[in-house]
Amino acid sequence: MAVSAKALGIDTLPIADRVALVQEIWASIALEPEAFKMTNAQIVELGRRVADDEVNPGDVVSADEVFATARARLANRQWR
């Protein structure tokens, strides 16, 4: 039998409980980073991004800007 939210009864939990469960599961996954090897394509892309950051260190967006934009879009329901 495949593991599924329905088979485990997770789909019947209130949304807040499901979100808390997802956070708990994600935290447990993060404790085992060696289980997730990066692909060659991911390694190449990461190298490209690091090199770009070294050449253009000022070409960044702060976390505050990202969150402000996300909050504004959420308030206006603009998802582009």
PDB file of N, CA and C in Angstrom:
ATOM      1  N   MET A   1       0.841  -1.183   0.000  1.00  0.00           N
ATOM      2  CA  MET A   1       0.000   0.000   0.000  1.00  0.00           C
ATOM      3  C   MET A   1       0.886   1.246   0.000  1.00  0.00           C
ATOM      4  N   ALA A   2       0.593   2.161  -0.865  1.00  0.00           N
ATOM      5  CA  ALA A   2       1.350   3.410  -0.938  1.00  0.00           C
ATOM      6  C   ALA A   2       0.954   4.321   0.217  1.00  0.00           C
ATOM      7  N   VAL A   3       1.929   5.060   0.705  1.00  0.00           N
ATOM      8  CA  VAL A   3       1.665   6.015   1.770  1.00  0.00           C
ATOM      9  C   VAL A   3       1.020   7.240   1.143  1.00  0.00           C
ATOM     10  N   SER A   4      -0.097   7.664   1.717  1.00  0.00           N
ATOM     11  CA  SER A   4      -0.766   8.862   1.223  1.00  0.00           C
ATOM     12  C   SER A   4      -1.433   9.574   2.391  1.00  0.00           C
ATOM     13  N   ALA A   5      -1.725  10.839   2.190  1.00  0.00           N
ATOM     14  CA  ALA A   5      -2.401  11.623   3.224  1.00  0.00           C
ATOM     15  C   ALA A   5      -3.742  10.985   3.563  1.00  0.00           C
ATOM     16  N   LYS A   6      -4.442  10.524   2.541  1.00  0.00           N
ATOM     17  CA  LYS A   6      -5.751   9.908   2.758  1.00  0.00           C
ATOM     18  C   LYS A   6      -5.619   8.603   3.550  1.00  0.00           C
ATOM     19  N   ALA A   7      -4.652   7.748   3.154  1.00  0.00           N
ATOM     20  CA  ALA A   7      -4.465   6.470   3.831  1.00  0.00           C
ATOM     21  C   ALA A   7      -4.078   6.655   5.296  1.00  0.00           C
ATOM     22  N   LEU A   8      -3.333   7.733   5.583  1.00  0.00           N
ATOM     23  CA  LEU A   8      -2.908   7.995   6.957  1.00  0.00           C
ATOM     24  C   LEU A   8      -3.916   8.851   7.739  1.00  0.00           C
ATOM     25  N   GLY A   9      -4.960   9.309   7.057  1.00  0.00           N
ATOM     26  CA  GLY A   9      -5.965  10.134   7.726  1.00  0.00           C
ATOM     27  C   GLY A   9      -5.553  11.584   7.869  1.00  0.00           C
ATOM     28  N   ILE A  10      -4.460  11.954   7.250  1.00  0.00           N
ATOM     29  CA  ILE A  10      -3.962  13.322   7.368  1.00  0.00           C
ATOM     30  C   ILE A  10      -4.922  14.309   6.724  1.00  0.00           C
ATOM     31  N   ASP A  11      -5.588  13.889   5.662  1.00  0.00           N
ATOM     32  CA  ASP A  11      -6.506  14.777   4.956  1.00  0.00           C
ATOM     33  C   ASP A  11      -7.703  15.194   5.810  1.00  0.00           C
ATOM     34  N   THR A  12      -7.922  14.517   6.919  1.00  0.00           N
ATOM     35  CA  THR A  12      -9.052  14.867   7.793  1.00  0.00           C
ATOM     36  C   THR A  12      -8.656  15.840   8.905  1.00  0.00           C
ATOM     37  N   LEU A  13      -7.362  16.086   9.046  1.00  0.00           N
ATOM     38  CA  LEU A  13      -6.897  17.010  10.076  1.00  0.00           C
ATOM     39  C   LEU A  13      -7.228  18.447   9.694  1.00  0.00           C
ATOM     40  N   PRO A  14      -7.413  19.311  10.698  1.00  0.00           N
ATOM     41  CA  PRO A  14      -7.592  20.728  10.397  1.00  0.00           C
ATOM     42  C   PRO A  14      -6.346  21.262   9.690  1.00  0.00           C
ATOM     43  N   ILE A  15      -6.515  22.296   8.888  1.00  0.00           N
ATOM     44  CA  ILE A  15      -5.404  22.846   8.107  1.00  0.00           C
ATOM     45  C   ILE A  15      -4.227  23.230   9.001  1.00  0.00           C
ATOM     46  N   ALA A  16      -4.491  23.860  10.127  1.00  0.00           N
ATOM     47  CA  ALA A  16      -3.397  24.272  11.012  1.00  0.00           C
ATOM     48  C   ALA A  16      -2.573  23.062  11.461  1.00  0.00           C
ATOM     49  N   ASP A  17      -3.235  21.952  11.733  1.00  0.00           N
ATOM     50  CA  ASP A  17      -2.523  20.740  12.141  1.00  0.00           C
ATOM     51  C   ASP A  17      -1.721  20.165  10.970  1.00  0.00           C
ATOM     52  N   ARG A  18      -2.284  20.224   9.762  1.00  0.00           N
ATOM     53  CA  ARG A  18      -1.553  19.728   8.592  1.00  0.00           C
ATOM     54  C   ARG A  18      -0.317  20.572   8.321  1.00  0.00           C
ATOM     55  N   VAL A  19      -0.449  21.885   8.476  1.00  0.00           N
ATOM     56  CA  VAL A  19       0.709  22.767   8.280  1.00  0.00           C
ATOM     57  C   VAL A  19       1.778  22.453   9.322  1.00  0.00           C
ATOM     58  N   ALA A  20       1.370  22.284  10.570  1.00  0.00           N
ATOM     59  CA  ALA A  20       2.328  21.950  11.629  1.00  0.00           C
ATOM     60  C   ALA A  20       3.012  20.619  11.337  1.00  0.00           C
ATOM     61  N   LEU A  21       2.257  19.668  10.820  1.00  0.00           N
ATOM     62  CA  LEU A  21       2.829  18.359  10.474  1.00  0.00           C
ATOM     63  C   LEU A  21       3.836  18.481   9.342  1.00  0.00           C
ATOM     64  N   VAL A  22       3.504  19.261   8.331  1.00  0.00           N
ATOM     65  CA  VAL A  22       4.435  19.477   7.221  1.00  0.00           C
ATOM     66  C   VAL A  22       5.725  20.112   7.728  1.00  0.00           C
ATOM     67  N   GLN A  23       5.605  21.103   8.618  1.00  0.00           N
ATOM     68  CA  GLN A  23       6.798  21.751   9.171  1.00  0.00           C
ATOM     69  C   GLN A  23       7.646  20.753   9.951  1.00  0.00           C
ATOM     70  N   GLU A  24       6.991  19.908  10.700  1.00  0.00           N
ATOM     71  CA  GLU A  24       7.715  18.890  11.469  1.00  0.00           C
ATOM     72  C   GLU A  24       8.401  17.888  10.549  1.00  0.00           C
ATOM     73  N   ILE A  25       7.719  17.468   9.501  1.00  0.00           N
ATOM     74  CA  ILE A  25       8.316  16.537   8.547  1.00  0.00           C
ATOM     75  C   ILE A  25       9.502  17.195   7.852  1.00  0.00           C
ATOM     76  N   TRP A  26       9.335  18.452   7.408  1.00  0.00           N
ATOM     77  CA  TRP A  26      10.418  19.152   6.717  1.00  0.00           C
ATOM     78  C   TRP A  26      11.637  19.288   7.630  1.00  0.00           C
ATOM     79  N   ALA A  27      11.411  19.607   8.901  1.00  0.00           N
ATOM     80  CA  ALA A  27      12.517  19.737   9.854  1.00  0.00           C
ATOM     81  C   ALA A  27      13.252  18.403  10.004  1.00  0.00           C
ATOM     82  N   SER A  28      12.519  17.302  10.008  1.00  0.00           N
ATOM     83  CA  SER A  28      13.173  15.996  10.139  1.00  0.00           C
ATOM     84  C   SER A  28      13.974  15.653   8.890  1.00  0.00           C
ATOM     85  N   ILE A  29      13.496  16.073   7.727  1.00  0.00           N
ATOM     86  CA  ILE A  29      14.230  15.845   6.480  1.00  0.00           C
ATOM     87  C   ILE A  29      15.517  16.658   6.470  1.00  0.00           C
ATOM     88  N   ALA A  30      15.438  17.886   6.963  1.00  0.00           N
ATOM     89  CA  ALA A  30      16.605  18.772   6.985  1.00  0.00           C
ATOM     90  C   ALA A  30      17.725  18.218   7.865  1.00  0.00           C
ATOM     91  N   LEU A  31      17.403  17.332   8.777  1.00  0.00           N
ATOM     92  CA  LEU A  31      18.419  16.727   9.646  1.00  0.00           C
ATOM     93  C   LEU A  31      19.261  15.690   8.909  1.00  0.00           C
ATOM     94  N   GLU A  32      18.849  15.321   7.689  1.00  0.00           N
ATOM     95  CA  GLU A  32      19.557  14.304   6.917  1.00  0.00           C
ATOM     96  C   GLU A  32      19.942  14.831   5.529  1.00  0.00           C
ATOM     97  N   PRO A  33      20.723  15.921   5.460  1.00  0.00           N
ATOM     98  CA  PRO A  33      21.052  16.494   4.150  1.00  0.00           C
ATOM     99  C   PRO A  33      21.848  15.553   3.252  1.00  0.00           C
ATOM    100  N   GLU A  34      22.577  14.612   3.844  1.00  0.00           N
ATOM    101  CA  GLU A  34      23.367  13.688   3.033  1.00  0.00           C
ATOM    102  C   GLU A  34      22.483  12.766   2.202  1.00  0.00           C
ATOM    103  N   ALA A  35      21.207  12.678   2.524  1.00  0.00           N
ATOM    104  CA  ALA A  35      20.290  11.830   1.771  1.00  0.00           C
ATOM    105  C   ALA A  35      19.922  12.452   0.425  1.00  0.00           C
ATOM    106  N   PHE A  36      20.251  13.728   0.243  1.00  0.00           N
ATOM    107  CA  PHE A  36      19.876  14.429  -0.980  1.00  0.00           C
ATOM    108  C   PHE A  36      21.120  14.967  -1.683  1.00  0.00           C
ATOM    109  N   LYS A  37      21.582  14.236  -2.644  1.00  0.00           N
ATOM    110  CA  LYS A  37      22.754  14.643  -3.421  1.00  0.00           C
ATOM    111  C   LYS A  37      22.322  15.582  -4.537  1.00  0.00           C
ATOM    112  N   MET A  38      23.124  16.615  -4.761  1.00  0.00           N
ATOM    113  CA  MET A  38      22.830  17.529  -5.863  1.00  0.00           C
ATOM    114  C   MET A  38      23.192  16.865  -7.178  1.00  0.00           C
ATOM    115  N   THR A  39      22.385  17.147  -8.195  1.00  0.00           N
ATOM    116  CA  THR A  39      22.691  16.640  -9.530  1.00  0.00           C
ATOM    117  C   THR A  39      23.809  17.477 -10.129  1.00  0.00           C
ATOM    118  N   ASN A  40      24.405  16.975 -11.202  1.00  0.00           N
ATOM    119  CA  ASN A  40      25.447  17.751 -11.891  1.00  0.00           C
ATOM    120  C   ASN A  40      24.890  19.083 -12.370  1.00  0.00           C
ATOM    121  N   ALA A  41      23.666  19.074 -12.871  1.00  0.00           N
ATOM    122  CA  ALA A  41      23.042  20.314 -13.344  1.00  0.00           C
ATOM    123  C   ALA A  41      22.880  21.318 -12.202  1.00  0.00           C
ATOM    124  N   GLN A  42      22.507  20.840 -11.027  1.00  0.00           N
ATOM    125  CA  GLN A  42      22.361  21.725  -9.870  1.00  0.00           C
ATOM    126  C   GLN A  42      23.711  22.296  -9.438  1.00  0.00           C
ATOM    127  N   ILE A  43      24.739  21.466  -9.470  1.00  0.00           N
ATOM    128  CA  ILE A  43      26.085  21.915  -9.102  1.00  0.00           C
ATOM    129  C   ILE A  43      26.566  22.992 -10.075  1.00  0.00           C
ATOM    130  N   VAL A  44      26.333  22.759 -11.365  1.00  0.00           N
ATOM    131  CA  VAL A  44      26.718  23.740 -12.382  1.00  0.00           C
ATOM    132  C   VAL A  44      25.965  25.045 -12.168  1.00  0.00           C
ATOM    133  N   GLU A  45      24.667  24.964 -11.931  1.00  0.00           N
ATOM    134  CA  GLU A  45      23.861  26.172 -11.720  1.00  0.00           C
ATOM    135  C   GLU A  45      24.301  26.915 -10.468  1.00  0.00           C
ATOM    136  N   LEU A  46      24.590  26.200  -9.412  1.00  0.00           N
ATOM    137  CA  LEU A  46      25.066  26.843  -8.186  1.00  0.00           C
ATOM    138  C   LEU A  46      26.393  27.557  -8.444  1.00  0.00           C
ATOM    139  N   GLY A  47      27.294  26.910  -9.174  1.00  0.00           N
ATOM    140  CA  GLY A  47      28.560  27.536  -9.524  1.00  0.00           C
ATOM    141  C   GLY A  47      28.357  28.791 -10.351  1.00  0.00           C
ATOM    142  N   ARG A  48      27.415  28.728 -11.295  1.00  0.00           N
ATOM    143  CA  ARG A  48      27.117  29.891 -12.121  1.00  0.00           C
ATOM    144  C   ARG A  48      26.603  31.049 -11.268  1.00  0.00           C
ATOM    145  N   ARG A  49      25.733  30.747 -10.326  1.00  0.00           N
ATOM    146  CA  ARG A  49      25.171  31.792  -9.463  1.00  0.00           C
ATOM    147  C   ARG A  49      26.228  32.395  -8.541  1.00  0.00           C
ATOM    148  N   VAL A  50      27.103  31.567  -8.008  1.00  0.00           N
ATOM    149  CA  VAL A  50      28.180  32.068  -7.142  1.00  0.00           C
ATOM    150  C   VAL A  50      29.108  32.968  -7.947  1.00  0.00           C
ATOM    151  N   ALA A  51      29.476  32.520  -9.149  1.00  0.00           N
ATOM    152  CA  ALA A  51      30.354  33.325 -10.005  1.00  0.00           C
ATOM    153  C   ALA A  51      29.693  34.656 -10.355  1.00  0.00           C
ATOM    154  N   ASP A  52      28.402  34.633 -10.669  1.00  0.00           N
ATOM    155  CA  ASP A  52      27.674  35.859 -10.988  1.00  0.00           C
ATOM    156  C   ASP A  52      27.643  36.791  -9.786  1.00  0.00           C
ATOM    157  N   ASP A  53      27.472  36.247  -8.608  1.00  0.00           N
ATOM    158  CA  ASP A  53      27.457  37.072  -7.398  1.00  0.00           C
ATOM    159  C   ASP A  53      28.823  37.704  -7.143  1.00  0.00           C
ATOM    160  N   GLU A  54      29.886  36.962  -7.437  1.00  0.00           N
ATOM    161  CA  GLU A  54      31.232  37.509  -7.240  1.00  0.00           C
ATOM    162  C   GLU A  54      31.512  38.648  -8.221  1.00  0.00           C
ATOM    163  N   VAL A  55      31.002  38.546  -9.447  1.00  0.00           N
ATOM    164  CA  VAL A  55      31.195  39.586 -10.456  1.00  0.00           C
ATOM    165  C   VAL A  55      30.277  40.784 -10.188  1.00  0.00           C
ATOM    166  N   ASN A  56      29.083  40.529  -9.695  1.00  0.00           N
ATOM    167  CA  ASN A  56      28.074  41.576  -9.463  1.00  0.00           C
ATOM    168  C   ASN A  56      27.566  41.530  -8.022  1.00  0.00           C
ATOM    169  N   PRO A  57      28.403  41.830  -7.040  1.00  0.00           N
ATOM    170  CA  PRO A  57      27.987  41.687  -5.639  1.00  0.00           C
ATOM    171  C   PRO A  57      26.849  42.625  -5.226  1.00  0.00           C
ATOM    172  N   GLY A  58      26.679  43.729  -5.936  1.00  0.00           N
ATOM    173  CA  GLY A  58      25.614  44.664  -5.575  1.00  0.00           C
ATOM    174  C   GLY A  58      24.286  44.365  -6.239  1.00  0.00           C
ATOM    175  N   ASP A  59      24.265  43.392  -7.133  1.00  0.00           N
ATOM    176  CA  ASP A  59      23.052  43.047  -7.871  1.00  0.00           C
ATOM    177  C   ASP A  59      22.244  42.014  -7.086  1.00  0.00           C
ATOM    178  N   VAL A  60      21.708  42.459  -5.974  1.00  0.00           N
ATOM    179  CA  VAL A  60      20.969  41.552  -5.096  1.00  0.00           C
ATOM    180  C   VAL A  60      19.672  42.208  -4.651  1.00  0.00           C
ATOM    181  N   VAL A  61      18.781  41.399  -4.130  1.00  0.00           N
ATOM    182  CA  VAL A  61      17.540  41.879  -3.547  1.00  0.00           C
ATOM    183  C   VAL A  61      17.540  41.393  -2.110  1.00  0.00           C
ATOM    184  N   SER A  62      17.338  42.308  -1.184  1.00  0.00           N
ATOM    185  CA  SER A  62      17.361  41.923   0.228  1.00  0.00           C
ATOM    186  C   SER A  62      16.129  41.089   0.574  1.00  0.00           C
ATOM    187  N   ALA A  63      16.243  40.334   1.639  1.00  0.00           N
ATOM    188  CA  ALA A  63      15.114  39.540   2.114  1.00  0.00           C
ATOM    189  C   ALA A  63      13.941  40.455   2.445  1.00  0.00           C
ATOM    190  N   ASP A  64      14.223  41.616   3.019  1.00  0.00           N
ATOM    191  CA  ASP A  64      13.153  42.564   3.343  1.00  0.00           C
ATOM    192  C   ASP A  64      12.384  42.976   2.090  1.00  0.00           C
ATOM    193  N   GLU A  65      13.113  43.212   0.984  1.00  0.00           N
ATOM    194  CA  GLU A  65      12.459  43.580  -0.274  1.00  0.00           C
ATOM    195  C   GLU A  65      11.608  42.426  -0.815  1.00  0.00           C
ATOM    196  N   VAL A  66      12.135  41.230  -0.727  1.00  0.00           N
ATOM    197  CA  VAL A  66      11.398  40.055  -1.203  1.00  0.00           C
ATOM    198  C   VAL A  66      10.107  39.900  -0.407  1.00  0.00           C
ATOM    199  N   PHE A  67      10.202  39.995   0.917  1.00  0.00           N
ATOM    200  CA  PHE A  67       9.012  39.846   1.750  1.00  0.00           C
ATOM    201  C   PHE A  67       8.018  40.972   1.515  1.00  0.00           C
ATOM    202  N   ALA A  68       8.506  42.193   1.357  1.00  0.00           N
ATOM    203  CA  ALA A  68       7.618  43.328   1.110  1.00  0.00           C
ATOM    204  C   ALA A  68       6.859  43.137  -0.201  1.00  0.00           C
ATOM    205  N   THR A  69       7.555  42.684  -1.234  1.00  0.00           N
ATOM    206  CA  THR A  69       6.910  42.436  -2.521  1.00  0.00           C
ATOM    207  C   THR A  69       5.873  41.324  -2.399  1.00  0.00           C
ATOM    208  N   ALA A  70       6.234  40.257  -1.705  1.00  0.00           N
ATOM    209  CA  ALA A  70       5.299  39.143  -1.522  1.00  0.00           C
ATOM    210  C   ALA A  70       4.061  39.595  -0.755  1.00  0.00           C
ATOM    211  N   ARG A  71       4.266  40.372   0.289  1.00  0.00           N
ATOM    212  CA  ARG A  71       3.119  40.858   1.075  1.00  0.00           C
ATOM    213  C   ARG A  71       2.225  41.771   0.238  1.00  0.00           C
ATOM    214  N   ALA A  72       2.839  42.635  -0.564  1.00  0.00           N
ATOM    215  CA  ALA A  72       2.056  43.537  -1.409  1.00  0.00           C
ATOM    216  C   ALA A  72       1.258  42.744  -2.446  1.00  0.00           C
ATOM    217  N   ARG A  73       1.893  41.745  -3.042  1.00  0.00           N
ATOM    218  CA  ARG A  73       1.193  40.921  -4.028  1.00  0.00           C
ATOM    219  C   ARG A  73       0.060  40.128  -3.378  1.00  0.00           C
ATOM    220  N   LEU A  74       0.318  39.637  -2.193  1.00  0.00           N
ATOM    221  CA  LEU A  74      -0.726  38.898  -1.483  1.00  0.00           C
ATOM    222  C   LEU A  74      -1.909  39.817  -1.185  1.00  0.00           C
ATOM    223  N   ALA A  75      -1.615  41.014  -0.732  1.00  0.00           N
ATOM    224  CA  ALA A  75      -2.672  41.972  -0.421  1.00  0.00           C
ATOM    225  C   ALA A  75      -3.484  42.338  -1.661  1.00  0.00           C
ATOM    226  N   ASN A  76      -2.809  42.403  -2.808  1.00  0.00           N
ATOM    227  CA  ASN A  76      -3.474  42.771  -4.058  1.00  0.00           C
ATOM    228  C   ASN A  76      -3.844  41.565  -4.920  1.00  0.00           C
ATOM    229  N   ARG A  77      -3.492  40.383  -4.439  1.00  0.00           N
ATOM    230  CA  ARG A  77      -3.744  39.135  -5.175  1.00  0.00           C
ATOM    231  C   ARG A  77      -3.122  39.165  -6.564  1.00  0.00           C
ATOM    232  N   GLN A  78      -1.906  39.672  -6.656  1.00  0.00           N
ATOM    233  CA  GLN A  78      -1.176  39.720  -7.921  1.00  0.00           C
ATOM    234  C   GLN A  78      -0.084  38.660  -7.887  1.00  0.00           C
ATOM    235  N   TRP A  79      -0.249  37.601  -8.644  1.00  0.00           N
ATOM    236  CA  TRP A  79       0.701  36.482  -8.624  1.00  0.00           C
ATOM    237  C   TRP A  79       1.401  36.346  -9.962  1.00  0.00           C
ATOM    238  N   ARG A  80       2.199  37.315 -10.333  1.00  0.00           N
ATOM    239  CA  ARG A  80       2.952  37.220 -11.584  1.00  0.00           C
ATOM    240  C   ARG A  80       4.414  37.248 -11.320  1.00  0.00           C
TER     241      ARG A  80
END
